[in-house]
């Protein structure tokens, strides 16, 4: 009924889909399970929540899955929902790089649907190696490469702000590693019985924890430890900073590369919906119910409440009144 209310003239041409997780305080929820925890609560069971929105970011359907369900495993039910319940024809699904992969692309194709997604860093490197794309194409402005054998288009861009953030993060990690090394050297100087091998092992573990062990190394000069940088490996690590590649099977006549890029960026609307539902006005968590049906009902009520918030935001946009104030 909600779908028909928003789209009385038929199905929208675009669906935005993403998932989140919500940790549980109790142990006995029917859908609670251990899984990839997005809330920083690895000691708690969770549920996985998928939110299907139209191109304007309005929630059309929410679905709860067991907490150990991977992102890709949630896509099938969304495709069937769009095809069977909503009567969708030739629509486009937008999902991130962890959502739409080979099996999901095949399933979308079987329904006559299209997709816009992103590819992983490893896939980008593979395309560079095969010379399907070139590093020179990564600029501030979007560019495009069509792969005829695959019948897909790749949309490329380098985000300079993101590249700067990644470089600053790398420098910050290097500084933290150097600080740790200086502390170990002071200990070795003050404590004659302290073992150099143990200090080296601890530093290597710290480098691995910071994920900089690919381009850092340590060596001992008598009882003094030294940090060494592998400049070649560091340059390789920096090569794709800020770079991303979108993949779509939409024909250029249907959607320009700018349109494809903009539609992928619209996934941020779903992320905003999750933030509002989990950490701002609403209470997706804590979950105080146990039954599967009650858990799904809880999520549905939160989704409907969020739609009220969106409606009020739109209605009050001209009177300088927030939903909370209202």
C-alpha atoms as a PDB file:
ATOM      1  CA  UNK A   1       0.000   0.000   0.000  1.00  0.00           C
ATOM      2  CA  UNK A   2       2.854   2.365   0.825  1.00  0.00           C
ATOM      3  CA  UNK A   3       4.439   1.615  -2.561  1.00  0.00           C
ATOM      4  CA  UNK A   4       1.197   2.316  -4.451  1.00  0.00           C
ATOM      5  CA  UNK A   5       0.765   5.561  -2.490  1.00  0.00           C
ATOM      6  CA  UNK A   6       4.170   6.896  -3.567  1.00  0.00           C
ATOM      7  CA  UNK A   7       4.024   5.530  -7.116  1.00  0.00           C
ATOM      8  CA  UNK A   8       0.387   5.412  -8.244  1.00  0.00           C
ATOM      9  CA  UNK A   9       1.430   5.609 -11.889  1.00  0.00           C
ATOM     10  CA  UNK A  10       3.579   2.469 -11.800  1.00  0.00           C
ATOM     11  CA  UNK A  11       7.049   1.409 -10.765  1.00  0.00           C
ATOM     12  CA  UNK A  12       9.933   3.892 -10.373  1.00  0.00           C
ATOM     13  CA  UNK A  13      12.866   3.482 -12.723  1.00  0.00           C
ATOM     14  CA  UNK A  14      15.432   3.261  -9.929  1.00  0.00           C
ATOM     15  CA  UNK A  15      15.829   1.388  -6.645  1.00  0.00           C
ATOM     16  CA  UNK A  16      18.460   2.264  -4.044  1.00  0.00           C
ATOM     17  CA  UNK A  17      19.393  -0.610  -1.746  1.00  0.00           C
ATOM     18  CA  UNK A  18      21.754  -0.968   1.187  1.00  0.00           C
ATOM     19  CA  UNK A  19      22.039  -2.920   4.428  1.00  0.00           C
ATOM     20  CA  UNK A  20      23.084  -2.235   7.986  1.00  0.00           C
ATOM     21  CA  UNK A  21      23.245  -4.243  11.180  1.00  0.00           C
ATOM     22  CA  UNK A  22      21.900  -3.581  14.645  1.00  0.00           C
ATOM     23  CA  UNK A  23      23.374  -5.187  17.729  1.00  0.00           C
ATOM     24  CA  UNK A  24      21.188  -6.921  20.306  1.00  0.00           C
ATOM     25  CA  UNK A  25      21.361  -6.585  24.079  1.00  0.00           C
ATOM     26  CA  UNK A  26      19.761  -9.979  24.727  1.00  0.00           C
ATOM     27  CA  UNK A  27      20.719 -13.510  23.697  1.00  0.00           C
ATOM     28  CA  UNK A  28      17.384 -14.992  22.602  1.00  0.00           C
ATOM     29  CA  UNK A  29      16.185 -13.071  19.547  1.00  0.00           C
ATOM     30  CA  UNK A  30      15.108 -15.540  16.845  1.00  0.00           C
ATOM     31  CA  UNK A  31      17.177 -13.746  14.182  1.00  0.00           C
ATOM     32  CA  UNK A  32      20.140 -12.870  16.405  1.00  0.00           C
ATOM     33  CA  UNK A  33      23.483 -14.270  15.239  1.00  0.00           C
ATOM     34  CA  UNK A  34      27.187 -13.472  15.148  1.00  0.00           C
ATOM     35  CA  UNK A  35      28.224 -11.618  11.999  1.00  0.00           C
ATOM     36  CA  UNK A  36      30.123  -8.678  10.525  1.00  0.00           C
ATOM     37  CA  UNK A  37      29.373  -5.985  13.094  1.00  0.00           C
ATOM     38  CA  UNK A  38      29.048  -2.416  11.784  1.00  0.00           C
ATOM     39  CA  UNK A  39      28.291  -0.966  15.222  1.00  0.00           C
ATOM     40  CA  UNK A  40      31.647  -1.700  16.849  1.00  0.00           C
ATOM     41  CA  UNK A  41      30.028  -4.251  19.178  1.00  0.00           C
ATOM     42  CA  UNK A  42      31.764  -7.547  18.282  1.00  0.00           C
ATOM     43  CA  UNK A  43      30.782  -9.068  21.623  1.00  0.00           C
ATOM     44  CA  UNK A  44      27.058  -8.841  20.866  1.00  0.00           C
ATOM     45  CA  UNK A  45      24.799 -10.762  18.508  1.00  0.00           C
ATOM     46  CA  UNK A  46      23.076  -8.771  15.787  1.00  0.00           C
ATOM     47  CA  UNK A  47      20.397  -8.657  13.120  1.00  0.00           C
ATOM     48  CA  UNK A  48      20.934  -7.519   9.513  1.00  0.00           C
ATOM     49  CA  UNK A  49      18.522  -4.969   8.045  1.00  0.00           C
ATOM     50  CA  UNK A  50      17.982  -4.262   4.335  1.00  0.00           C
ATOM     51  CA  UNK A  51      16.309  -1.042   3.223  1.00  0.00           C
ATOM     52  CA  UNK A  52      14.873  -0.641  -0.287  1.00  0.00           C
ATOM     53  CA  UNK A  53      14.256   2.960  -1.364  1.00  0.00           C
ATOM     54  CA  UNK A  54      13.129   4.748  -4.502  1.00  0.00           C
ATOM     55  CA  UNK A  55      15.385   7.193  -6.340  1.00  0.00           C
ATOM     56  CA  UNK A  56      14.373  10.024  -4.000  1.00  0.00           C
ATOM     57  CA  UNK A  57      15.510   8.108  -0.944  1.00  0.00           C
ATOM     58  CA  UNK A  58      12.010   7.288   0.296  1.00  0.00           C
ATOM     59  CA  UNK A  59      11.838   3.899   2.020  1.00  0.00           C
ATOM     60  CA  UNK A  60       9.563   1.427   0.232  1.00  0.00           C
ATOM     61  CA  UNK A  61      10.352  -1.767   2.109  1.00  0.00           C
ATOM     62  CA  UNK A  62      12.437  -2.937   5.042  1.00  0.00           C
ATOM     63  CA  UNK A  63      13.499  -6.525   5.634  1.00  0.00           C
ATOM     64  CA  UNK A  64      15.239  -8.163   8.579  1.00  0.00           C
ATOM     65  CA  UNK A  65      17.677 -11.055   8.119  1.00  0.00           C
ATOM     66  CA  UNK A  66      19.606 -13.281  10.504  1.00  0.00           C
ATOM     67  CA  UNK A  67      22.693 -11.551  11.875  1.00  0.00           C
ATOM     68  CA  UNK A  68      25.128 -13.794   9.976  1.00  0.00           C
ATOM     69  CA  UNK A  69      23.639 -13.018   6.533  1.00  0.00           C
ATOM     70  CA  UNK A  70      26.118 -11.538   4.050  1.00  0.00           C
ATOM     71  CA  UNK A  71      25.169  -8.437   2.044  1.00  0.00           C
ATOM     72  CA  UNK A  72      24.949 -10.311  -1.255  1.00  0.00           C
ATOM     73  CA  UNK A  73      22.589 -12.917   0.228  1.00  0.00           C
ATOM     74  CA  UNK A  74      20.012 -10.187   0.910  1.00  0.00           C
ATOM     75  CA  UNK A  75      19.788  -9.069  -2.737  1.00  0.00           C
ATOM     76  CA  UNK A  76      17.754 -11.984  -4.097  1.00  0.00           C
ATOM     77  CA  UNK A  77      14.660 -11.206  -2.052  1.00  0.00           C
ATOM     78  CA  UNK A  78      14.815  -7.533  -3.110  1.00  0.00           C
ATOM     79  CA  UNK A  79      14.930  -8.495  -6.791  1.00  0.00           C
ATOM     80  CA  UNK A  80      11.957 -10.835  -6.375  1.00  0.00           C
ATOM     81  CA  UNK A  81      10.093  -8.228  -4.352  1.00  0.00           C
ATOM     82  CA  UNK A  82      10.543  -5.622  -7.093  1.00  0.00           C
ATOM     83  CA  UNK A  83       9.528  -8.045  -9.844  1.00  0.00           C
ATOM     84  CA  UNK A  84       6.592  -9.787  -8.160  1.00  0.00           C
ATOM     85  CA  UNK A  85       5.154  -7.442  -5.538  1.00  0.00           C
ATOM     86  CA  UNK A  86       5.909  -4.123  -7.244  1.00  0.00           C
ATOM     87  CA  UNK A  87       5.592  -5.271 -10.861  1.00  0.00           C
ATOM     88  CA  UNK A  88       8.905  -3.679 -11.860  1.00  0.00           C
ATOM     89  CA  UNK A  89      10.057  -3.795 -15.497  1.00  0.00           C
ATOM     90  CA  UNK A  90      13.547  -2.826 -16.724  1.00  0.00           C
ATOM     91  CA  UNK A  91      14.380  -0.965 -13.518  1.00  0.00           C
ATOM     92  CA  UNK A  92      17.899  -0.228 -12.271  1.00  0.00           C
ATOM     93  CA  UNK A  93      19.219  -1.343  -8.890  1.00  0.00           C
ATOM     94  CA  UNK A  94      21.935   0.765  -7.277  1.00  0.00           C
ATOM     95  CA  UNK A  95      24.094  -1.004  -4.671  1.00  0.00           C
ATOM     96  CA  UNK A  96      27.630  -0.687  -3.355  1.00  0.00           C
ATOM     97  CA  UNK A  97      30.626  -2.894  -4.200  1.00  0.00           C
ATOM     98  CA  UNK A  98      29.787  -5.440  -1.517  1.00  0.00           C
ATOM     99  CA  UNK A  99      26.178  -5.820  -2.627  1.00  0.00           C
ATOM    100  CA  UNK A 100      26.043  -6.450  -6.376  1.00  0.00           C
ATOM    101  CA  UNK A 101      28.487  -9.071  -7.619  1.00  0.00           C
ATOM    102  CA  UNK A 102      28.488 -11.716 -10.357  1.00  0.00           C
ATOM    103  CA  UNK A 103      25.586 -13.899  -9.097  1.00  0.00           C
ATOM    104  CA  UNK A 104      23.453 -10.841  -8.321  1.00  0.00           C
ATOM    105  CA  UNK A 105      24.160  -9.338 -11.762  1.00  0.00           C
ATOM    106  CA  UNK A 106      23.025 -12.607 -13.341  1.00  0.00           C
ATOM    107  CA  UNK A 107      19.845 -12.655 -11.243  1.00  0.00           C
ATOM    108  CA  UNK A 108      19.079  -9.044 -12.158  1.00  0.00           C
ATOM    109  CA  UNK A 109      19.564  -9.867 -15.838  1.00  0.00           C
ATOM    110  CA  UNK A 110      17.127 -12.763 -15.616  1.00  0.00           C
ATOM    111  CA  UNK A 111      14.407 -10.300 -14.577  1.00  0.00           C
ATOM    112  CA  UNK A 112      15.398  -7.763 -17.242  1.00  0.00           C
ATOM    113  CA  UNK A 113      16.775  -5.416 -14.582  1.00  0.00           C
ATOM    114  CA  UNK A 114      19.908  -3.268 -14.753  1.00  0.00           C
ATOM    115  CA  UNK A 115      22.482  -2.258 -12.162  1.00  0.00           C
ATOM    116  CA  UNK A 116      24.912   0.432 -11.044  1.00  0.00           C
ATOM    117  CA  UNK A 117      27.597  -0.607  -8.586  1.00  0.00           C
ATOM    118  CA  UNK A 118      31.278  -0.061  -7.750  1.00  0.00           C
ATOM    119  CA  UNK A 119      34.157  -2.502  -8.067  1.00  0.00           C
ATOM    120  CA  UNK A 120      36.858  -3.380  -5.547  1.00  0.00           C
ATOM    121  CA  UNK A 121      40.461  -2.166  -5.523  1.00  0.00           C
ATOM    122  CA  UNK A 122      41.625  -5.631  -6.591  1.00  0.00           C
ATOM    123  CA  UNK A 123      39.256  -5.513  -9.575  1.00  0.00           C
ATOM    124  CA  UNK A 124      40.540  -2.041 -10.518  1.00  0.00           C
ATOM    125  CA  UNK A 125      44.116  -3.342 -10.456  1.00  0.00           C
ATOM    126  CA  UNK A 126      43.063  -6.291 -12.621  1.00  0.00           C
ATOM    127  CA  UNK A 127      41.505  -3.947 -15.196  1.00  0.00           C
ATOM    128  CA  UNK A 128      44.693  -1.842 -15.215  1.00  0.00           C
ATOM    129  CA  UNK A 129      46.785  -4.962 -15.733  1.00  0.00           C
ATOM    130  CA  UNK A 130      44.599  -6.069 -18.641  1.00  0.00           C
ATOM    131  CA  UNK A 131      44.780  -2.507 -20.055  1.00  0.00           C
ATOM    132  CA  UNK A 132      41.003  -2.176 -20.062  1.00  0.00           C
ATOM    133  CA  UNK A 133      41.484   1.135 -18.206  1.00  0.00           C
ATOM    134  CA  UNK A 134      44.500   3.415 -17.736  1.00  0.00           C
ATOM    135  CA  UNK A 135      45.698   5.461 -14.756  1.00  0.00           C
ATOM    136  CA  UNK A 136      45.590   8.633 -16.881  1.00  0.00           C
ATOM    137  CA  UNK A 137      41.783   8.407 -16.904  1.00  0.00           C
ATOM    138  CA  UNK A 138      41.516   8.991 -13.147  1.00  0.00           C
ATOM    139  CA  UNK A 139      40.852  12.736 -12.945  1.00  0.00           C
ATOM    140  CA  UNK A 140      38.653  15.084 -10.877  1.00  0.00           C
ATOM    141  CA  UNK A 141      36.063  14.903 -13.669  1.00  0.00           C
ATOM    142  CA  UNK A 142      34.445  11.553 -14.447  1.00  0.00           C
ATOM    143  CA  UNK A 143      35.552   9.587 -17.504  1.00  0.00           C
ATOM    144  CA  UNK A 144      34.240   6.451 -19.148  1.00  0.00           C
ATOM    145  CA  UNK A 145      35.492   3.231 -20.718  1.00  0.00           C
ATOM    146  CA  UNK A 146      33.206   0.742 -22.470  1.00  0.00           C
ATOM    147  CA  UNK A 147      34.135  -2.927 -22.391  1.00  0.00           C
ATOM    148  CA  UNK A 148      32.541  -4.474 -25.474  1.00  0.00           C
ATOM    149  CA  UNK A 149      33.156  -8.162 -24.577  1.00  0.00           C
ATOM    150  CA  UNK A 150      31.595  -7.726 -21.124  1.00  0.00           C
ATOM    151  CA  UNK A 151      28.816  -5.423 -22.367  1.00  0.00           C
ATOM    152  CA  UNK A 152      29.475  -3.074 -19.466  1.00  0.00           C
ATOM    153  CA  UNK A 153      30.606   0.511 -18.938  1.00  0.00           C
ATOM    154  CA  UNK A 154      33.180   1.637 -16.402  1.00  0.00           C
ATOM    155  CA  UNK A 155      32.907   5.151 -14.940  1.00  0.00           C
ATOM    156  CA  UNK A 156      36.200   6.371 -13.426  1.00  0.00           C
ATOM    157  CA  UNK A 157      37.080   9.231 -11.096  1.00  0.00           C
ATOM    158  CA  UNK A 158      39.731  10.295  -8.602  1.00  0.00           C
ATOM    159  CA  UNK A 159      38.379  12.177  -5.582  1.00  0.00           C
ATOM    160  CA  UNK A 160      41.184  14.585  -4.563  1.00  0.00           C
ATOM    161  CA  UNK A 161      39.718  15.168  -1.111  1.00  0.00           C
ATOM    162  CA  UNK A 162      39.576  11.451  -0.410  1.00  0.00           C
ATOM    163  CA  UNK A 163      43.119  11.032  -1.751  1.00  0.00           C
ATOM    164  CA  UNK A 164      44.320  13.715   0.680  1.00  0.00           C
ATOM    165  CA  UNK A 165      42.506  12.060   3.586  1.00  0.00           C
ATOM    166  CA  UNK A 166      44.087   8.701   2.801  1.00  0.00           C
ATOM    167  CA  UNK A 167      47.566  10.243   2.590  1.00  0.00           C
ATOM    168  CA  UNK A 168      47.072  12.042   5.914  1.00  0.00           C
ATOM    169  CA  UNK A 169      45.861   8.807   7.502  1.00  0.00           C
ATOM    170  CA  UNK A 170      48.938   6.982   6.224  1.00  0.00           C
ATOM    171  CA  UNK A 171      51.223   9.692   7.631  1.00  0.00           C
ATOM    172  CA  UNK A 172      49.403   9.566  10.970  1.00  0.00           C
ATOM    173  CA  UNK A 173      49.883   5.789  11.159  1.00  0.00           C
ATOM    174  CA  UNK A 174      53.578   6.158  10.324  1.00  0.00           C
ATOM    175  CA  UNK A 175      53.948   8.741  13.105  1.00  0.00           C
ATOM    176  CA  UNK A 176      52.209   6.400  15.569  1.00  0.00           C
ATOM    177  CA  UNK A 177      54.549   3.589  14.559  1.00  0.00           C
ATOM    178  CA  UNK A 178      57.588   5.840  14.988  1.00  0.00           C
ATOM    179  CA  UNK A 179      56.365   6.835  18.455  1.00  0.00           C
ATOM    180  CA  UNK A 180      56.033   3.179  19.403  1.00  0.00           C
ATOM    181  CA  UNK A 181      59.541   2.511  18.069  1.00  0.00           C
ATOM    182  CA  UNK A 182      60.980   5.405  20.128  1.00  0.00           C
ATOM    183  CA  UNK A 183      59.375   3.965  23.268  1.00  0.00           C
ATOM    184  CA  UNK A 184      60.896   0.544  22.551  1.00  0.00           C
ATOM    185  CA  UNK A 185      64.330   2.130  22.064  1.00  0.00           C
ATOM    186  CA  UNK A 186      64.061   3.923  25.415  1.00  0.00           C
ATOM    187  CA  UNK A 187      63.132   0.643  27.091  1.00  0.00           C
ATOM    188  CA  UNK A 188      66.077  -1.160  25.490  1.00  0.00           C
ATOM    189  CA  UNK A 189      68.416   1.602  26.639  1.00  0.00           C
ATOM    190  CA  UNK A 190      67.135   1.658  30.230  1.00  0.00           C
ATOM    191  CA  UNK A 191      66.656  -2.081  30.677  1.00  0.00           C
ATOM    192  CA  UNK A 192      69.736  -4.144  29.803  1.00  0.00           C
ATOM    193  CA  UNK A 193      67.771  -7.387  30.150  1.00  0.00           C
ATOM    194  CA  UNK A 194      65.092  -6.347  27.653  1.00  0.00           C
ATOM    195  CA  UNK A 195      65.273  -8.483  24.500  1.00  0.00           C
ATOM    196  CA  UNK A 196      65.679  -6.861  21.083  1.00  0.00           C
ATOM    197  CA  UNK A 197      63.879  -9.764  19.374  1.00  0.00           C
ATOM    198  CA  UNK A 198      60.800  -9.251  21.565  1.00  0.00           C
ATOM    199  CA  UNK A 199      60.736  -5.516  20.815  1.00  0.00           C
ATOM    200  CA  UNK A 200      60.994  -6.233  17.085  1.00  0.00           C
ATOM    201  CA  UNK A 201      58.137  -8.733  17.271  1.00  0.00           C
ATOM    202  CA  UNK A 202      55.936  -6.201  19.080  1.00  0.00           C
ATOM    203  CA  UNK A 203      56.667  -3.517  16.496  1.00  0.00           C
ATOM    204  CA  UNK A 204      55.849  -5.857  13.624  1.00  0.00           C
ATOM    205  CA  UNK A 205      52.554  -6.739  15.303  1.00  0.00           C
ATOM    206  CA  UNK A 206      51.770  -3.030  15.715  1.00  0.00           C
ATOM    207  CA  UNK A 207      52.538  -2.381  12.032  1.00  0.00           C
ATOM    208  CA  UNK A 208      50.206  -5.217  11.037  1.00  0.00           C
ATOM    209  CA  UNK A 209      47.494  -3.808  13.313  1.00  0.00           C
ATOM    210  CA  UNK A 210      47.827  -0.408  11.616  1.00  0.00           C
ATOM    211  CA  UNK A 211      47.855  -2.151   8.198  1.00  0.00           C
ATOM    212  CA  UNK A 212      51.129  -0.524   7.152  1.00  0.00           C
ATOM    213  CA  UNK A 213      53.277  -3.667   7.256  1.00  0.00           C
ATOM    214  CA  UNK A 214      53.240  -3.840   3.460  1.00  0.00           C
ATOM    215  CA  UNK A 215      55.615  -0.868   3.176  1.00  0.00           C
ATOM    216  CA  UNK A 216      57.378  -0.724   6.572  1.00  0.00           C
ATOM    217  CA  UNK A 217      60.174  -2.829   8.034  1.00  0.00           C
ATOM    218  CA  UNK A 218      62.384  -2.770  11.119  1.00  0.00           C
ATOM    219  CA  UNK A 219      65.983  -3.675  11.714  1.00  0.00           C
ATOM    220  CA  UNK A 220      68.205  -3.711  14.769  1.00  0.00           C
ATOM    221  CA  UNK A 221      71.536  -1.884  14.933  1.00  0.00           C
ATOM    222  CA  UNK A 222      72.949  -3.508  18.069  1.00  0.00           C
ATOM    223  CA  UNK A 223      70.330  -2.462  20.680  1.00  0.00           C
ATOM    224  CA  UNK A 224      68.734   0.310  18.644  1.00  0.00           C
ATOM    225  CA  UNK A 225      65.733  -0.290  16.377  1.00  0.00           C
ATOM    226  CA  UNK A 226      65.288   1.576  13.088  1.00  0.00           C
ATOM    227  CA  UNK A 227      62.177   2.015  10.929  1.00  0.00           C
ATOM    228  CA  UNK A 228      62.717   1.560   7.192  1.00  0.00           C
ATOM    229  CA  UNK A 229      60.261   2.442   4.423  1.00  0.00           C
ATOM    230  CA  UNK A 230      59.931   0.461   1.226  1.00  0.00           C
ATOM    231  CA  UNK A 231      59.482   3.397  -1.159  1.00  0.00           C
ATOM    232  CA  UNK A 232      58.442   1.192  -4.061  1.00  0.00           C
ATOM    233  CA  UNK A 233      55.757  -0.579  -2.015  1.00  0.00           C
ATOM    234  CA  UNK A 234      54.632   2.773  -0.573  1.00  0.00           C
ATOM    235  CA  UNK A 235      54.232   4.248  -4.059  1.00  0.00           C
ATOM    236  CA  UNK A 236      52.173   1.200  -5.056  1.00  0.00           C
ATOM    237  CA  UNK A 237      49.984   1.632  -1.968  1.00  0.00           C
ATOM    238  CA  UNK A 238      49.394   5.295  -2.863  1.00  0.00           C
ATOM    239  CA  UNK A 239      48.685   4.696  -6.546  1.00  0.00           C
ATOM    240  CA  UNK A 240      44.911   4.301  -6.247  1.00  0.00           C
ATOM    241  CA  UNK A 241      44.313   6.792  -3.418  1.00  0.00           C
ATOM    242  CA  UNK A 242      40.945   8.440  -4.011  1.00  0.00           C
ATOM    243  CA  UNK A 243      40.302   6.378  -7.151  1.00  0.00           C
ATOM    244  CA  UNK A 244      37.064   4.527  -7.700  1.00  0.00           C
ATOM    245  CA  UNK A 245      35.353   2.792 -10.607  1.00  0.00           C
ATOM    246  CA  UNK A 246      31.624   2.334 -11.137  1.00  0.00           C
ATOM    247  CA  UNK A 247      30.245  -0.477 -13.261  1.00  0.00           C
ATOM    248  CA  UNK A 248      26.919  -0.556 -15.086  1.00  0.00           C
ATOM    249  CA  UNK A 249      25.171  -2.356 -17.924  1.00  0.00           C
ATOM    250  CA  UNK A 250      23.045   0.700 -18.780  1.00  0.00           C
ATOM    251  CA  UNK A 251      23.515   1.841 -22.369  1.00  0.00           C
ATOM    252  CA  UNK A 252      25.032   5.290 -22.883  1.00  0.00           C
ATOM    253  CA  UNK A 253      21.857   6.380 -24.650  1.00  0.00           C
ATOM    254  CA  UNK A 254      19.863   5.627 -21.505  1.00  0.00           C
ATOM    255  CA  UNK A 255      22.185   7.219 -18.962  1.00  0.00           C
ATOM    256  CA  UNK A 256      25.253   9.406 -19.467  1.00  0.00           C
ATOM    257  CA  UNK A 257      28.350   8.802 -17.341  1.00  0.00           C
ATOM    258  CA  UNK A 258      27.418  11.856 -15.229  1.00  0.00           C
ATOM    259  CA  UNK A 259      23.937  10.416 -14.588  1.00  0.00           C
ATOM    260  CA  UNK A 260      25.390   7.023 -13.613  1.00  0.00           C
ATOM    261  CA  UNK A 261      27.815   8.755 -11.239  1.00  0.00           C
ATOM    262  CA  UNK A 262      25.074  10.868  -9.664  1.00  0.00           C
ATOM    263  CA  UNK A 263      22.743   7.892  -9.200  1.00  0.00           C
ATOM    264  CA  UNK A 264      25.467   5.922  -7.426  1.00  0.00           C
ATOM    265  CA  UNK A 265      26.074   8.883  -5.113  1.00  0.00           C
ATOM    266  CA  UNK A 266      22.348   8.763  -4.262  1.00  0.00           C
ATOM    267  CA  UNK A 267      23.133   5.720  -2.074  1.00  0.00           C
ATOM    268  CA  UNK A 268      24.048   8.309   0.549  1.00  0.00           C
ATOM    269  CA  UNK A 269      20.289   8.882   0.941  1.00  0.00           C
ATOM    270  CA  UNK A 270      19.901   5.312   2.222  1.00  0.00           C
ATOM    271  CA  UNK A 271      22.857   5.791   4.567  1.00  0.00           C
ATOM    272  CA  UNK A 272      21.192   8.937   5.902  1.00  0.00           C
ATOM    273  CA  UNK A 273      17.992   6.951   6.493  1.00  0.00           C
ATOM    274  CA  UNK A 274      19.968   4.435   8.545  1.00  0.00           C
ATOM    275  CA  UNK A 275      21.638   7.170  10.604  1.00  0.00           C
ATOM    276  CA  UNK A 276      18.277   8.745  11.422  1.00  0.00           C
ATOM    277  CA  UNK A 277      16.749   5.370  12.281  1.00  0.00           C
ATOM    278  CA  UNK A 278      19.638   4.144  14.438  1.00  0.00           C
ATOM    279  CA  UNK A 279      21.313   7.130  16.068  1.00  0.00           C
ATOM    280  CA  UNK A 280      19.214  10.285  15.751  1.00  0.00           C
ATOM    281  CA  UNK A 281      15.444  10.571  16.326  1.00  0.00           C
ATOM    282  CA  UNK A 282      14.361   6.937  16.186  1.00  0.00           C
ATOM    283  CA  UNK A 283      15.145   3.743  18.101  1.00  0.00           C
ATOM    284  CA  UNK A 284      15.942   0.858  15.797  1.00  0.00           C
ATOM    285  CA  UNK A 285      17.898  -0.375  18.790  1.00  0.00           C
ATOM    286  CA  UNK A 286      17.672  -1.626  21.462  1.00  0.00           C
ATOM    287  CA  UNK A 287      15.426  -4.464  20.314  1.00  0.00           C
ATOM    288  CA  UNK A 288      13.259  -5.707  23.192  1.00  0.00           C
ATOM    289  CA  UNK A 289      11.471  -8.551  21.369  1.00  0.00           C
ATOM    290  CA  UNK A 290      12.387 -12.183  20.658  1.00  0.00           C
ATOM    291  CA  UNK A 291      10.096 -13.578  17.955  1.00  0.00           C
ATOM    292  CA  UNK A 292      10.984 -13.269  14.274  1.00  0.00           C
ATOM    293  CA  UNK A 293       7.589 -11.731  13.459  1.00  0.00           C
ATOM    294  CA  UNK A 294       7.915  -9.210  16.291  1.00  0.00           C
ATOM    295  CA  UNK A 295      11.426  -8.253  15.175  1.00  0.00           C
ATOM    296  CA  UNK A 296      10.215  -7.645  11.627  1.00  0.00           C
ATOM    297  CA  UNK A 297       7.297  -5.637  13.016  1.00  0.00           C
ATOM    298  CA  UNK A 298       9.667  -3.531  15.115  1.00  0.00           C
ATOM    299  CA  UNK A 299      11.749  -2.690  12.011  1.00  0.00           C
ATOM    300  CA  UNK A 300       8.626  -1.862   9.985  1.00  0.00           C
ATOM    301  CA  UNK A 301       7.372   0.563  12.653  1.00  0.00           C
ATOM    302  CA  UNK A 302      10.755   2.310  12.643  1.00  0.00           C
ATOM    303  CA  UNK A 303      10.627   2.589   8.835  1.00  0.00           C
ATOM    304  CA  UNK A 304       7.122   4.082   8.941  1.00  0.00           C
ATOM    305  CA  UNK A 305       8.198   6.528  11.655  1.00  0.00           C
ATOM    306  CA  UNK A 306      11.096   7.570   9.453  1.00  0.00           C
ATOM    307  CA  UNK A 307       8.691   8.242   6.591  1.00  0.00           C
ATOM    308  CA  UNK A 308       6.757  10.544   8.945  1.00  0.00           C
ATOM    309  CA  UNK A 309       9.982  12.393   9.710  1.00  0.00           C
ATOM    310  CA  UNK A 310      10.697  12.840   5.992  1.00  0.00           C
ATOM    311  CA  UNK A 311       7.147  14.081   5.370  1.00  0.00           C
ATOM    312  CA  UNK A 312       7.405  16.582   8.239  1.00  0.00           C
ATOM    313  CA  UNK A 313      10.819  17.794   7.059  1.00  0.00           C
ATOM    314  CA  UNK A 314       9.325  18.531   3.645  1.00  0.00           C
ATOM    315  CA  UNK A 315       6.191  20.168   5.074  1.00  0.00           C
ATOM    316  CA  UNK A 316       8.139  22.413   7.467  1.00  0.00           C
ATOM    317  CA  UNK A 317      11.052  23.252   5.181  1.00  0.00           C
ATOM    318  CA  UNK A 318       9.674  26.738   4.529  1.00  0.00           C
ATOM    319  CA  UNK A 319       9.036  27.712   8.154  1.00  0.00           C
ATOM    320  CA  UNK A 320      12.512  27.096   9.633  1.00  0.00           C
ATOM    321  CA  UNK A 321      11.268  24.355  11.959  1.00  0.00           C
ATOM    322  CA  UNK A 322      13.052  21.078  12.647  1.00  0.00           C
ATOM    323  CA  UNK A 323      11.177  17.842  13.227  1.00  0.00           C
ATOM    324  CA  UNK A 324      12.488  17.704  16.786  1.00  0.00           C
ATOM    325  CA  UNK A 325      11.233  21.230  17.496  1.00  0.00           C
ATOM    326  CA  UNK A 326       7.885  20.434  15.893  1.00  0.00           C
END
